[in-house]
């Protein structure tokens, strides 16, 4: 709850898995917590949410101690609530003039703000070379030991790791096993903060972190409060239908099993062939673009082309899915998930599945990485990339390892062009939010570069497709005969980003997101495209055809 801990493939040596420790967000955006004037509404609603969640919880504890005929001891939901009560009751400290809920909320927000203040910003975390620090457990202990703090308040990493790995088949070798620390400064500041914080406050913060996640799985009252918070902060107008939430739970826990049923019934292999054709055309288009680049030297070009050739597409579903026995093998050992389902009890099932999933992940410490794994099931609609599986990203080589494989000369040229993109998008004012918000060009640069390069690659790929049709003239789309194929291509790109957004959701994206708001994904990308200006006859120097264009790929 105070830091993130997981097991992951080492991005500098993808042949091994390692333990990773990193900073973690304190429940609500750290930017909100550190700018109380700008985000007054969001913080007021968060305070109200915490207070009311605790009040409802208190009421049910009282009800538990003095049950009426309508609320008997064997009520399953009350049984679930009781499991969450112990830490809250222990160490309660009353302050005059305040209810327990108010005290509790004060403690949570104050401590959350202190955590936010010691976090490293997303902008400073852009370069992964600054984030990876390998060390043994003993070195990690030495790193976070606070002088003269006393034995009882230090962060005891041996004790922590022993407990985390207690129910797994992993026994740590404290001399050899490596931990990757992503944020040294955060951990050192956290260790100091812990020594100065009342243990009751720490306990309440940890309890709230667990409770706020689990409580909506028990009572409708908690779900209603969570919806009210989302409604006030993000502008939601209606609740997610219950069927959608339930099927989402099933898909997140048994995605490949659901995919098996879906693929058998609905998957059209012709669509998969067509998608693979598109991917190959885009790969070919990218190869041509790299060959033509003036700012990249020949050595780096060759390595880039090698990487493009080695890149693997993930389309539709994994080939093994329909092979008899493979699905059972996929779930076996992963946790025997089916056995973890407790009929009719969502809360108990969630706990069992979570524990099984965590155990499987932790035991990856002793497993070799699976290069053929899929990171998403067939039932999830998404486009994704995975640097460590060599899907995309210039910081990673063709084996997916994080390393500098470009020459210094090319890197300098590249960074100049990146800065052009950063400055371009940073000048976009998000007028729906008033005068106080602009696109964060630093945090969104990766996606903006992908949008710009992807559009150029897609246009080349489309023209390759056209050339294979052996038609003397372009087909006209009925009802849109006045538009050329190139104009329709750009309309298609624009239409993809059409949509509405509430102010709250838009603000959240601008403040924390790595994607620019949809409007600026369109304007930014198309204004950098010469082909767009030619297709739509935009005058030179007009807003959509500026003299200066930012072009990398």
Protein backbone atom coordinates (compact mmCIF):
# COMPACT_ATOMS: atom_id res chain seq x y z
CA UNK A 1 0.00 0.00 0.00
CA UNK A 2 3.00 2.30 0.46
CA UNK A 3 5.03 1.04 -2.48
CA UNK A 4 4.48 -1.23 -5.45
CA UNK A 5 6.00 -4.72 -5.47
CA UNK A 6 5.78 -7.19 -8.33
CA UNK A 7 7.73 -9.68 -10.44
CA UNK A 8 8.47 -8.73 -14.02
CA UNK A 9 10.64 -9.57 -16.98
CA UNK A 10 13.87 -7.60 -16.75
CA UNK A 11 13.68 -5.03 -19.55
CA UNK A 12 17.47 -4.81 -19.75
CA UNK A 13 17.87 -8.59 -20.00
CA UNK A 14 14.61 -10.16 -21.11
CA UNK A 15 15.84 -13.70 -20.47
CA UNK A 16 15.11 -13.38 -16.73
CA UNK A 17 12.43 -12.27 -14.27
CA UNK A 18 13.18 -10.01 -11.31
CA UNK A 19 11.49 -8.50 -8.25
CA UNK A 20 10.61 -4.82 -8.73
CA UNK A 21 9.89 -2.13 -6.13
CA UNK A 22 8.42 1.22 -7.16
CA UNK A 23 6.44 4.19 -5.89
CA UNK A 24 2.64 3.97 -5.95
CA UNK A 25 -0.12 6.55 -6.27
CA UNK A 26 -1.92 7.40 -2.99
CA UNK A 27 -5.52 6.57 -3.91
CA UNK A 28 -6.26 9.76 -5.84
CA UNK A 29 -4.03 11.59 -8.29
CA UNK A 30 -0.97 13.09 -6.60
CA UNK A 31 -1.41 16.17 -8.80
CA UNK A 32 -4.83 16.75 -7.25
CA UNK A 33 -3.43 16.44 -3.74
CA UNK A 34 -0.58 18.87 -4.39
CA UNK A 35 -2.69 21.59 -6.01
CA UNK A 36 -5.64 22.03 -3.66
CA UNK A 37 -6.84 25.29 -5.20
CA UNK A 38 -6.95 24.03 -8.74
CA UNK A 39 -8.56 20.71 -7.79
CA UNK A 40 -10.74 21.90 -4.92
CA UNK A 41 -13.88 20.18 -6.26
CA UNK A 42 -12.18 16.80 -6.71
CA UNK A 43 -10.63 16.86 -3.23
CA UNK A 44 -13.87 17.97 -1.59
CA UNK A 45 -15.68 15.04 -3.18
CA UNK A 46 -12.89 12.63 -2.19
CA UNK A 47 -13.16 13.82 1.43
CA UNK A 48 -16.92 13.34 1.33
CA UNK A 49 -16.48 9.88 -0.18
CA UNK A 50 -14.09 8.69 2.53
CA UNK A 51 -16.24 10.09 5.36
CA UNK A 52 -19.45 8.53 4.07
CA UNK A 53 -17.81 5.15 3.37
CA UNK A 54 -16.54 5.04 6.97
CA UNK A 55 -19.94 6.14 8.36
CA UNK A 56 -21.76 3.37 6.48
CA UNK A 57 -19.15 0.89 7.65
CA UNK A 58 -19.52 2.05 11.27
CA UNK A 59 -23.28 1.68 11.06
CA UNK A 60 -22.91 -1.91 9.92
CA UNK A 61 -20.47 -2.69 12.72
CA UNK A 62 -23.00 -1.41 15.25
CA UNK A 63 -25.67 -3.45 13.49
CA UNK A 64 -23.39 -6.47 13.73
CA UNK A 65 -23.10 -6.08 17.48
CA UNK A 66 -26.85 -5.47 17.96
CA UNK A 67 -28.63 -7.39 15.17
CA UNK A 68 -32.31 -6.89 14.50
CA UNK A 69 -34.68 -9.44 13.04
CA UNK A 70 -33.94 -8.01 9.58
CA UNK A 71 -30.15 -8.34 9.95
CA UNK A 72 -29.21 -11.73 11.32
CA UNK A 73 -25.68 -13.00 11.94
CA UNK A 74 -25.75 -15.33 8.98
CA UNK A 75 -26.22 -12.54 6.43
CA UNK A 76 -23.46 -13.15 3.85
CA UNK A 77 -22.86 -9.46 3.08
CA UNK A 78 -22.51 -8.64 6.79
CA UNK A 79 -20.12 -11.58 7.10
CA UNK A 80 -17.97 -10.04 4.34
CA UNK A 81 -18.03 -6.62 6.07
CA UNK A 82 -16.89 -8.16 9.34
CA UNK A 83 -13.72 -9.42 7.64
CA UNK A 84 -12.72 -5.82 6.96
CA UNK A 85 -13.24 -4.52 10.47
CA UNK A 86 -10.31 -5.60 12.61
CA UNK A 87 -7.67 -3.09 11.55
CA UNK A 88 -10.16 -0.24 11.72
CA UNK A 89 -11.19 -0.99 15.31
CA UNK A 90 -7.67 -1.43 16.58
CA UNK A 91 -5.88 1.68 17.83
CA UNK A 92 -8.76 4.13 17.39
CA UNK A 93 -7.90 7.61 18.72
CA UNK A 94 -10.64 10.15 19.36
CA UNK A 95 -10.18 13.91 18.91
CA UNK A 96 -12.55 16.34 20.57
CA UNK A 97 -15.25 17.84 18.36
CA UNK A 98 -14.78 15.39 15.50
CA UNK A 99 -16.54 12.17 14.59
CA UNK A 100 -14.52 9.04 13.96
CA UNK A 101 -15.25 9.38 10.23
CA UNK A 102 -13.95 12.98 10.20
CA UNK A 103 -10.78 12.04 12.11
CA UNK A 104 -10.24 9.11 9.83
CA UNK A 105 -10.64 11.26 6.71
CA UNK A 106 -8.30 13.95 8.04
CA UNK A 107 -5.63 11.33 8.67
CA UNK A 108 -6.02 9.73 5.24
CA UNK A 109 -5.88 12.99 3.30
CA UNK A 110 -3.00 14.40 5.31
CA UNK A 111 -0.89 11.28 4.91
CA UNK A 112 -1.87 10.89 1.23
CA UNK A 113 -0.68 14.45 0.59
CA UNK A 114 2.65 13.70 2.27
CA UNK A 115 3.05 10.64 0.04
CA UNK A 116 2.22 12.72 -3.01
CA UNK A 117 4.91 15.23 -2.05
CA UNK A 118 7.69 12.61 -2.07
CA UNK A 119 6.73 11.03 -5.40
CA UNK A 120 8.78 11.55 -8.54
CA UNK A 121 6.71 13.21 -11.27
CA UNK A 122 5.69 11.41 -14.45
CA UNK A 123 7.72 13.93 -16.47
CA UNK A 124 10.89 13.02 -14.58
CA UNK A 125 10.18 9.30 -15.09
CA UNK A 126 10.06 9.53 -18.90
CA UNK A 127 13.54 8.12 -19.39
CA UNK A 128 13.70 4.52 -18.10
CA UNK A 129 17.50 4.67 -17.91
CA UNK A 130 17.12 6.73 -14.74
CA UNK A 131 14.77 4.25 -13.08
CA UNK A 132 16.57 0.94 -12.79
CA UNK A 133 18.81 0.27 -9.80
CA UNK A 134 19.77 -3.36 -9.12
CA UNK A 135 20.59 -4.37 -5.57
CA UNK A 136 20.46 -7.23 -3.09
CA UNK A 137 17.97 -7.27 -0.24
CA UNK A 138 20.78 -6.29 2.15
CA UNK A 139 21.65 -3.29 0.00
CA UNK A 140 17.98 -2.33 -0.16
CA UNK A 141 17.83 -2.51 3.64
CA UNK A 142 20.87 -0.29 3.97
CA UNK A 143 19.41 2.15 1.46
CA UNK A 144 16.21 2.67 3.46
CA UNK A 145 17.52 2.46 7.02
CA UNK A 146 16.95 5.77 8.81
CA UNK A 147 19.76 6.66 11.26
CA UNK A 148 18.73 6.73 14.93
CA UNK A 149 15.14 5.80 14.07
CA UNK A 150 14.99 2.76 16.32
CA UNK A 151 14.50 -0.88 15.41
CA UNK A 152 10.71 -0.90 15.58
CA UNK A 153 9.97 1.61 12.86
CA UNK A 154 12.41 0.67 10.13
CA UNK A 155 11.32 -0.88 6.85
CA UNK A 156 12.30 -4.51 7.43
CA UNK A 157 12.71 -5.89 3.91
CA UNK A 158 13.66 -9.45 4.91
CA UNK A 159 10.53 -9.72 7.06
CA UNK A 160 8.41 -8.18 4.29
CA UNK A 161 9.67 -10.46 1.51
CA UNK A 162 9.42 -13.56 3.71
CA UNK A 163 5.76 -12.77 4.35
CA UNK A 164 4.97 -11.91 0.74
CA UNK A 165 6.49 -15.18 -0.49
CA UNK A 166 5.24 -17.30 2.44
CA UNK A 167 2.67 -19.34 0.52
CA UNK A 168 4.71 -19.74 -2.68
CA UNK A 169 7.34 -22.25 -3.79
CA UNK A 170 10.01 -19.51 -3.73
CA UNK A 171 12.74 -19.40 -1.09
CA UNK A 172 14.84 -16.27 -1.41
CA UNK A 173 18.61 -16.32 -1.48
CA UNK A 174 19.35 -12.98 0.19
CA UNK A 175 22.90 -12.97 -1.14
CA UNK A 176 22.05 -13.64 -4.79
CA UNK A 177 18.46 -12.63 -5.51
CA UNK A 178 18.21 -9.19 -7.09
CA UNK A 179 15.63 -6.46 -6.49
CA UNK A 180 15.19 -3.69 -9.04
CA UNK A 181 14.39 -0.38 -7.33
CA UNK A 182 12.66 2.07 -9.62
CA UNK A 183 12.67 5.08 -7.30
CA UNK A 184 15.50 5.29 -4.78
CA UNK A 185 14.57 8.82 -3.67
CA UNK A 186 10.96 7.83 -3.03
CA UNK A 187 11.90 4.84 -0.88
CA UNK A 188 14.36 6.85 1.19
CA UNK A 189 11.84 9.64 1.74
CA UNK A 190 9.16 7.07 2.52
CA UNK A 191 11.37 5.49 5.19
CA UNK A 192 11.81 8.92 6.80
CA UNK A 193 8.10 9.68 6.56
CA UNK A 194 7.18 6.41 8.27
CA UNK A 195 9.43 7.16 11.24
CA UNK A 196 7.62 10.48 11.78
CA UNK A 197 4.06 9.22 11.31
CA UNK A 198 1.72 8.09 14.09
CA UNK A 199 1.29 4.29 13.73
CA UNK A 200 -2.49 4.74 13.96
CA UNK A 201 -2.38 6.99 10.89
CA UNK A 202 -0.31 4.42 8.99
CA UNK A 203 -2.77 1.72 9.98
CA UNK A 204 -5.73 3.78 8.84
CA UNK A 205 -4.10 4.55 5.50
CA UNK A 206 -3.33 0.89 4.84
CA UNK A 207 -6.81 -0.14 5.98
CA UNK A 208 -8.46 2.43 3.71
CA UNK A 209 -6.36 1.31 0.73
CA UNK A 210 -7.71 -2.23 1.14
CA UNK A 211 -11.22 -1.31 2.22
CA UNK A 212 -11.91 1.15 -0.62
CA UNK A 213 -11.04 -1.59 -3.12
CA UNK A 214 -13.00 -4.42 -1.49
CA UNK A 215 -16.03 -2.70 0.04
CA UNK A 216 -17.91 -2.22 -3.28
CA UNK A 217 -17.86 -6.02 -3.65
CA UNK A 218 -20.02 -6.38 -0.53
CA UNK A 219 -22.87 -3.89 -0.09
CA UNK A 220 -24.93 -1.83 -2.54
CA UNK A 221 -24.49 1.20 -0.26
CA UNK A 222 -20.76 1.21 -0.92
CA UNK A 223 -21.32 0.85 -4.67
CA UNK A 224 -23.73 3.78 -4.57
CA UNK A 225 -21.17 5.98 -2.81
CA UNK A 226 -18.50 5.00 -5.33
CA UNK A 227 -20.85 5.94 -8.17
CA UNK A 228 -21.69 9.26 -6.54
CA UNK A 229 -17.98 10.08 -6.32
CA UNK A 230 -17.45 9.17 -9.98
CA UNK A 231 -20.52 11.16 -10.94
CA UNK A 232 -19.30 14.31 -9.20
CA UNK A 233 -15.64 14.05 -10.23
CA UNK A 234 -15.82 12.46 -13.68
CA UNK A 235 -19.33 13.42 -14.72
CA UNK A 236 -20.73 9.89 -15.09
CA UNK A 237 -24.47 10.03 -15.74
CA UNK A 238 -25.41 6.39 -15.24
CA UNK A 239 -24.07 3.32 -13.53
CA UNK A 240 -22.37 0.53 -15.44
CA UNK A 241 -25.07 -2.12 -16.00
CA UNK A 242 -24.70 -4.98 -13.58
CA UNK A 243 -24.34 -7.54 -16.39
CA UNK A 244 -21.43 -5.58 -17.82
CA UNK A 245 -19.62 -5.43 -14.50
CA UNK A 246 -20.15 -9.15 -13.94
CA UNK A 247 -18.99 -10.19 -17.40
CA UNK A 248 -16.00 -7.88 -17.02
CA UNK A 249 -15.04 -9.75 -13.86
CA UNK A 250 -15.30 -13.06 -15.65
CA UNK A 251 -13.26 -11.80 -18.61
CA UNK A 252 -10.50 -10.40 -16.40
CA UNK A 253 -10.13 -13.71 -14.52
CA UNK A 254 -10.87 -16.19 -17.31
CA UNK A 255 -10.13 -14.22 -20.47
CA UNK A 256 -8.61 -17.11 -22.42
CA UNK A 257 -11.48 -19.46 -21.50
CA UNK A 258 -14.03 -16.89 -22.67
CA UNK A 259 -11.88 -16.31 -25.78
CA UNK A 260 -12.06 -20.03 -26.55
CA UNK A 261 -15.87 -19.90 -26.59
CA UNK A 262 -15.92 -16.67 -28.57
CA UNK A 263 -13.44 -17.85 -31.19
CA UNK A 264 -15.29 -21.12 -31.71
CA UNK A 265 -18.57 -19.32 -32.32
CA UNK A 266 -17.78 -15.99 -33.89
CA UNK A 267 -14.22 -15.59 -35.09
CA UNK A 268 -13.87 -15.07 -38.82
CA UNK A 269 -10.49 -16.30 -40.02
CA UNK A 270 -10.84 -14.14 -43.13
CA UNK A 271 -10.72 -11.11 -40.85
CA UNK A 272 -7.51 -12.40 -39.29
CA UNK A 273 -5.92 -12.86 -42.72
CA UNK A 274 -6.96 -9.35 -43.70
CA UNK A 275 -5.55 -7.90 -40.48
CA UNK A 276 -2.25 -9.72 -41.03
CA UNK A 277 -2.13 -8.28 -44.55
CA UNK A 278 -2.55 -4.80 -43.10
CA UNK A 279 0.20 -5.38 -40.52
CA UNK A 280 2.61 -6.60 -43.19
CA UNK A 281 1.83 -3.57 -45.34
CA UNK A 282 2.48 -1.27 -42.38
CA UNK A 283 5.76 -3.05 -41.62
CA UNK A 284 6.76 -2.62 -45.27
CA UNK A 285 5.75 1.05 -45.18
CA UNK A 286 7.81 1.61 -42.04
CA UNK A 287 10.82 -0.03 -43.72
CA UNK A 288 10.53 2.40 -46.65
CA UNK A 289 10.20 5.38 -44.32
CA UNK A 290 13.32 4.38 -42.36
CA UNK A 291 15.28 3.92 -45.58
CA UNK A 292 14.35 7.46 -46.67
CA UNK A 293 15.13 9.19 -43.34
CA UNK A 294 17.75 11.92 -43.66
CA UNK A 295 18.43 12.32 -39.91
CA UNK A 296 19.28 8.68 -39.17
CA UNK A 297 22.74 7.32 -39.98
CA UNK A 298 23.22 4.05 -41.86
CA UNK A 299 24.35 2.05 -38.83
CA UNK A 300 21.22 2.93 -36.85
CA UNK A 301 19.02 2.41 -39.91
CA UNK A 302 20.23 -1.16 -40.29
CA UNK A 303 19.57 -1.96 -36.62
CA UNK A 304 16.13 -0.37 -36.90
CA UNK A 305 15.31 -2.46 -39.97
CA UNK A 306 16.52 -5.60 -38.17
CA UNK A 307 14.19 -4.80 -35.31
CA UNK A 308 11.25 -4.18 -37.66
CA UNK A 309 11.89 -7.54 -39.30
CA UNK A 310 12.00 -9.30 -35.89
CA UNK A 311 8.80 -7.65 -34.65
CA UNK A 312 5.92 -10.05 -33.98
CA UNK A 313 2.26 -9.28 -34.64
CA UNK A 314 -0.44 -10.40 -32.19
CA UNK A 315 -3.72 -10.70 -34.05
CA UNK A 316 -6.99 -12.18 -32.86
CA UNK A 317 -5.97 -15.06 -30.60
CA UNK A 318 -2.99 -17.34 -29.90
CA UNK A 319 -2.64 -20.27 -32.29
CA UNK A 320 -2.66 -22.85 -29.49
CA UNK A 321 -6.08 -21.81 -28.20
CA UNK A 322 -8.08 -24.29 -30.33
CA UNK A 323 -5.67 -27.21 -29.84
CA UNK A 324 -7.35 -29.83 -27.58
CA UNK A 325 -5.94 -29.86 -24.07
CA UNK A 326 -3.98 -26.59 -24.37
CA UNK A 327 -6.57 -24.42 -22.60
CA UNK A 328 -6.63 -26.81 -19.63
CA UNK A 329 -2.83 -26.72 -19.55
CA UNK A 330 -2.93 -22.90 -19.60
CA UNK A 331 -5.02 -22.76 -16.43
CA UNK A 332 -3.45 -25.69 -14.64
CA UNK A 333 -0.76 -24.62 -12.22
CA UNK A 334 -1.60 -21.02 -12.97
CA UNK A 335 -3.73 -21.43 -9.85
CA UNK A 336 -6.35 -24.03 -10.66
CA UNK A 337 -8.65 -21.03 -10.95
CA UNK A 338 -11.87 -22.94 -11.40
CA UNK A 339 -11.44 -24.45 -7.93
CA UNK A 340 -11.18 -20.94 -6.48
CA UNK A 341 -14.76 -20.02 -7.39
CA UNK A 342 -17.09 -20.14 -4.38
CA UNK A 343 -20.59 -20.64 -5.74
CA UNK A 344 -22.84 -17.65 -5.07
CA UNK A 345 -20.18 -15.66 -3.19
CA UNK A 346 -18.55 -12.89 -5.22
CA UNK A 347 -16.48 -11.49 -2.36
CA UNK A 348 -15.00 -14.81 -1.30
CA UNK A 349 -14.30 -15.73 -4.93
CA UNK A 350 -12.57 -12.39 -5.53
CA UNK A 351 -10.25 -12.95 -2.56
CA UNK A 352 -9.42 -16.49 -3.64
CA UNK A 353 -8.77 -15.52 -7.25
CA UNK A 354 -6.66 -12.53 -6.25
CA UNK A 355 -4.53 -14.64 -3.95
CA UNK A 356 -4.07 -17.31 -6.62
CA UNK A 357 -3.14 -14.72 -9.25
CA UNK A 358 -0.59 -13.05 -6.97
CA UNK A 359 0.93 -16.43 -6.09
CA UNK A 360 1.36 -17.30 -9.77
CA UNK A 361 3.02 -13.95 -10.48
CA UNK A 362 5.39 -14.22 -7.53
CA UNK A 363 6.46 -17.71 -8.53
CA UNK A 364 7.63 -16.25 -11.85
CA UNK A 365 10.81 -15.34 -9.95
CA UNK A 366 11.98 -18.90 -10.60
CA UNK A 367 10.52 -19.25 -14.10
CA UNK A 368 12.00 -18.30 -17.44
CA UNK A 369 9.99 -15.66 -19.33
CA UNK A 370 7.54 -16.92 -21.95
CA UNK A 371 8.25 -15.00 -25.17
CA UNK A 372 5.12 -16.35 -26.84
CA UNK A 373 2.69 -15.21 -24.16
CA UNK A 374 -0.26 -13.03 -25.01
CA UNK A 375 -0.81 -9.92 -22.93
CA UNK A 376 -4.51 -9.67 -23.72
CA UNK A 377 -7.32 -12.16 -24.47
CA UNK A 378 -9.23 -12.26 -27.76
CA UNK A 379 -12.31 -10.84 -26.02
CA UNK A 380 -10.56 -7.53 -25.29
CA UNK A 381 -10.83 -4.89 -28.02
CA UNK A 382 -7.56 -2.97 -28.00
CA UNK A 383 -4.39 -2.16 -29.87
CA UNK A 384 -1.30 -2.54 -27.71
CA UNK A 385 2.45 -2.74 -27.75
CA UNK A 386 4.86 -4.63 -25.53
CA UNK A 387 8.47 -3.39 -25.60
CA UNK A 388 9.87 -6.50 -23.91
CA UNK A 389 8.17 -8.74 -26.50
CA UNK A 390 9.55 -6.50 -29.27
CA UNK A 391 6.30 -5.02 -30.40
CA UNK A 392 7.34 -1.33 -30.59
CA UNK A 393 9.60 1.31 -28.96
CA UNK A 394 12.95 2.89 -29.99
CA UNK A 395 14.56 2.42 -26.53
CA UNK A 396 14.40 -1.38 -26.85
CA UNK A 397 16.46 -3.59 -29.17
CA UNK A 398 15.10 -6.41 -31.33
CA UNK A 399 15.20 -8.83 -28.36
CA UNK A 400 13.16 -6.34 -26.32
CA UNK A 401 16.08 -5.30 -24.10
CA UNK A 402 16.37 -1.74 -22.85
CA UNK A 403 19.65 -0.44 -24.23
CA UNK A 404 21.06 2.37 -26.31
CA UNK A 405 21.35 0.80 -29.76
CA UNK A 406 21.28 4.07 -31.70
CA UNK A 407 24.41 6.12 -32.38
CA UNK A 408 24.91 9.38 -30.48
CA UNK A 409 24.61 11.41 -33.69
CA UNK A 410 21.23 9.88 -34.50
CA UNK A 411 20.02 10.33 -30.90
CA UNK A 412 20.78 14.06 -31.03
CA UNK A 413 18.85 14.40 -34.30
CA UNK A 414 15.97 12.37 -32.87
CA UNK A 415 15.69 14.40 -29.65
CA UNK A 416 15.50 17.65 -31.63
CA UNK A 417 12.50 16.30 -33.51
CA UNK A 418 10.94 15.01 -30.30
CA UNK A 419 11.18 18.50 -28.80
CA UNK A 420 9.30 19.84 -31.81
CA UNK A 421 6.41 17.45 -31.01
CA UNK A 422 6.55 18.28 -27.28
CA UNK A 423 6.36 22.03 -27.91
CA UNK A 424 3.65 21.69 -30.55
CA UNK A 425 1.26 19.79 -28.30
CA UNK A 426 2.12 21.82 -25.19
CA UNK A 427 0.64 24.89 -26.91
CA UNK A 428 -2.81 23.33 -27.26
CA UNK A 429 -5.18 24.94 -24.74
CA UNK A 430 -8.02 22.70 -23.64
CA UNK A 431 -10.66 25.41 -23.79
CA UNK A 432 -13.45 23.23 -22.33
CA UNK A 433 -11.60 23.38 -18.99
CA UNK A 434 -11.04 27.15 -19.00
CA UNK A 435 -7.76 29.02 -19.35
CA UNK A 436 -5.85 26.92 -16.84
CA UNK A 437 -5.22 23.69 -18.76
CA UNK A 438 -3.01 22.80 -21.70
CA UNK A 439 -1.98 19.45 -23.14
CA UNK A 440 1.04 18.02 -21.34
CA UNK A 441 3.43 17.68 -24.27
CA UNK A 442 6.03 15.82 -22.20
CA UNK A 443 3.80 13.08 -20.82
CA UNK A 444 1.92 12.58 -24.12
CA UNK A 445 4.96 12.65 -26.43
CA UNK A 446 5.13 8.86 -26.89
CA UNK A 447 1.52 8.55 -28.03
CA UNK A 448 1.74 11.72 -30.14
CA UNK A 449 4.83 10.37 -31.94
CA UNK A 450 2.94 7.09 -32.49
CA UNK A 451 -0.12 8.93 -33.87
CA UNK A 452 1.99 10.95 -36.30
CA UNK A 453 4.20 8.10 -37.50
CA UNK A 454 1.31 5.65 -37.54
CA UNK A 455 -0.77 7.86 -39.80
CA UNK A 456 2.08 8.16 -42.32
CA UNK A 457 2.72 4.41 -42.25
CA UNK A 458 -1.00 3.66 -42.61
CA UNK A 459 -1.30 5.93 -45.65
CA UNK A 460 1.63 4.20 -47.36
CA UNK A 461 0.18 0.81 -46.46
CA UNK A 462 -3.19 1.86 -47.91
CA UNK A 463 -1.53 2.85 -51.16
CA UNK A 464 0.19 -0.55 -51.32
CA UNK A 465 -3.23 -2.14 -50.95
CA UNK A 466 -4.60 0.11 -53.72
CA UNK A 467 -1.77 -0.88 -56.04
CA UNK A 468 -2.61 -4.58 -55.65
CA UNK A 469 -6.21 -4.09 -56.74
CA UNK A 470 -5.27 -3.73 -60.45
CA UNK A 471 -8.08 -1.28 -61.05
CA UNK A 472 -7.84 1.49 -63.62
CA UNK A 473 -9.77 3.95 -61.51
CA UNK A 474 -10.62 4.38 -57.85
CA UNK A 475 -13.91 3.04 -56.60
CA UNK A 476 -16.30 5.67 -55.33
CA UNK A 477 -18.09 5.26 -52.01
CA UNK A 478 -21.87 5.56 -52.55
CA UNK A 479 -23.25 8.73 -50.98
CA UNK A 480 -19.75 10.22 -50.64
CA UNK A 481 -18.84 10.43 -54.30
CA UNK A 482 -17.48 13.97 -53.96
CA UNK A 483 -14.60 12.74 -51.79
CA UNK A 484 -11.40 11.23 -53.17
CA UNK A 485 -9.96 8.03 -51.66
CA UNK A 486 -7.22 10.06 -49.93
CA UNK A 487 -9.79 12.44 -48.46
CA UNK A 488 -11.79 9.47 -47.19
CA UNK A 489 -8.65 8.01 -45.65
CA UNK A 490 -8.15 11.15 -43.57
CA UNK A 491 -11.87 11.33 -42.75
CA UNK A 492 -11.59 7.76 -41.47
CA UNK A 493 -8.70 8.73 -39.21
CA UNK A 494 -10.62 11.74 -37.90
CA UNK A 495 -13.83 9.81 -37.38
CA UNK A 496 -11.95 7.29 -35.21
CA UNK A 497 -11.44 9.99 -32.57
CA UNK A 498 -14.96 11.43 -32.62
CA UNK A 499 -16.59 11.30 -29.21
CA UNK A 500 -17.87 13.17 -26.20
CA UNK A 501 -16.10 13.54 -22.89
CA UNK A 502 -17.31 14.89 -19.58
CA UNK A 503 -15.27 17.74 -18.12
CA UNK A 504 -14.14 15.57 -15.22
CA UNK A 505 -12.90 12.79 -17.47
CA UNK A 506 -11.23 15.30 -19.79
CA UNK A 507 -9.49 16.96 -16.85
CA UNK A 508 -8.25 13.60 -15.59
CA UNK A 509 -6.80 12.79 -19.02
CA UNK A 510 -5.10 16.19 -19.34
CA UNK A 511 -3.63 16.00 -15.82
CA UNK A 512 -2.55 12.34 -15.68
CA UNK A 513 -2.99 10.78 -19.11
CA UNK A 514 -0.40 9.76 -21.68
CA UNK A 515 -2.84 10.42 -24.54
CA UNK A 516 -3.74 13.89 -25.78
CA UNK A 517 -7.46 14.72 -25.81
CA UNK A 518 -9.07 13.34 -28.97
CA UNK A 519 -9.48 16.77 -30.57
CA UNK A 520 -5.75 17.40 -30.44
CA UNK A 521 -4.84 13.89 -31.55
CA UNK A 522 -6.63 14.86 -34.77
CA UNK A 523 -5.44 18.47 -35.13
CA UNK A 524 -1.86 17.76 -34.08
CA UNK A 525 -1.39 14.74 -36.35
CA UNK A 526 -3.10 16.07 -39.47
CA UNK A 527 -1.46 19.50 -39.31
CA UNK A 528 1.91 17.71 -39.56
CA UNK A 529 0.84 15.80 -42.68
CA UNK A 530 1.77 17.17 -46.14
CA UNK A 531 -0.48 14.52 -47.70
CA UNK A 532 -3.47 15.77 -45.69
CA UNK A 533 -2.89 19.35 -46.86
CA UNK A 534 -2.63 18.19 -50.47
CA UNK A 535 -5.75 16.03 -50.25
CA UNK A 536 -7.84 18.81 -48.73
CA UNK A 537 -6.16 21.74 -50.49
CA UNK A 538 -5.20 23.58 -47.31
CA UNK A 539 -3.43 26.89 -48.09
CA UNK A 540 0.20 27.10 -46.98
CA UNK A 541 0.41 28.85 -43.62
CA UNK A 542 -3.18 28.02 -42.65
CA UNK A 543 -3.84 26.41 -39.23
CA UNK A 544 -3.97 22.90 -40.71
CA UNK A 545 -1.00 23.46 -43.01
CA UNK A 546 1.57 25.41 -40.97
CA UNK A 547 4.94 26.33 -42.43
CA UNK A 548 6.73 24.34 -39.70
CA UNK A 549 5.76 20.69 -39.37
CA UNK A 550 7.04 18.23 -36.75
CA UNK A 551 8.05 14.97 -38.48
CA UNK A 552 10.00 12.03 -37.08
CA UNK A 553 8.86 8.92 -38.93
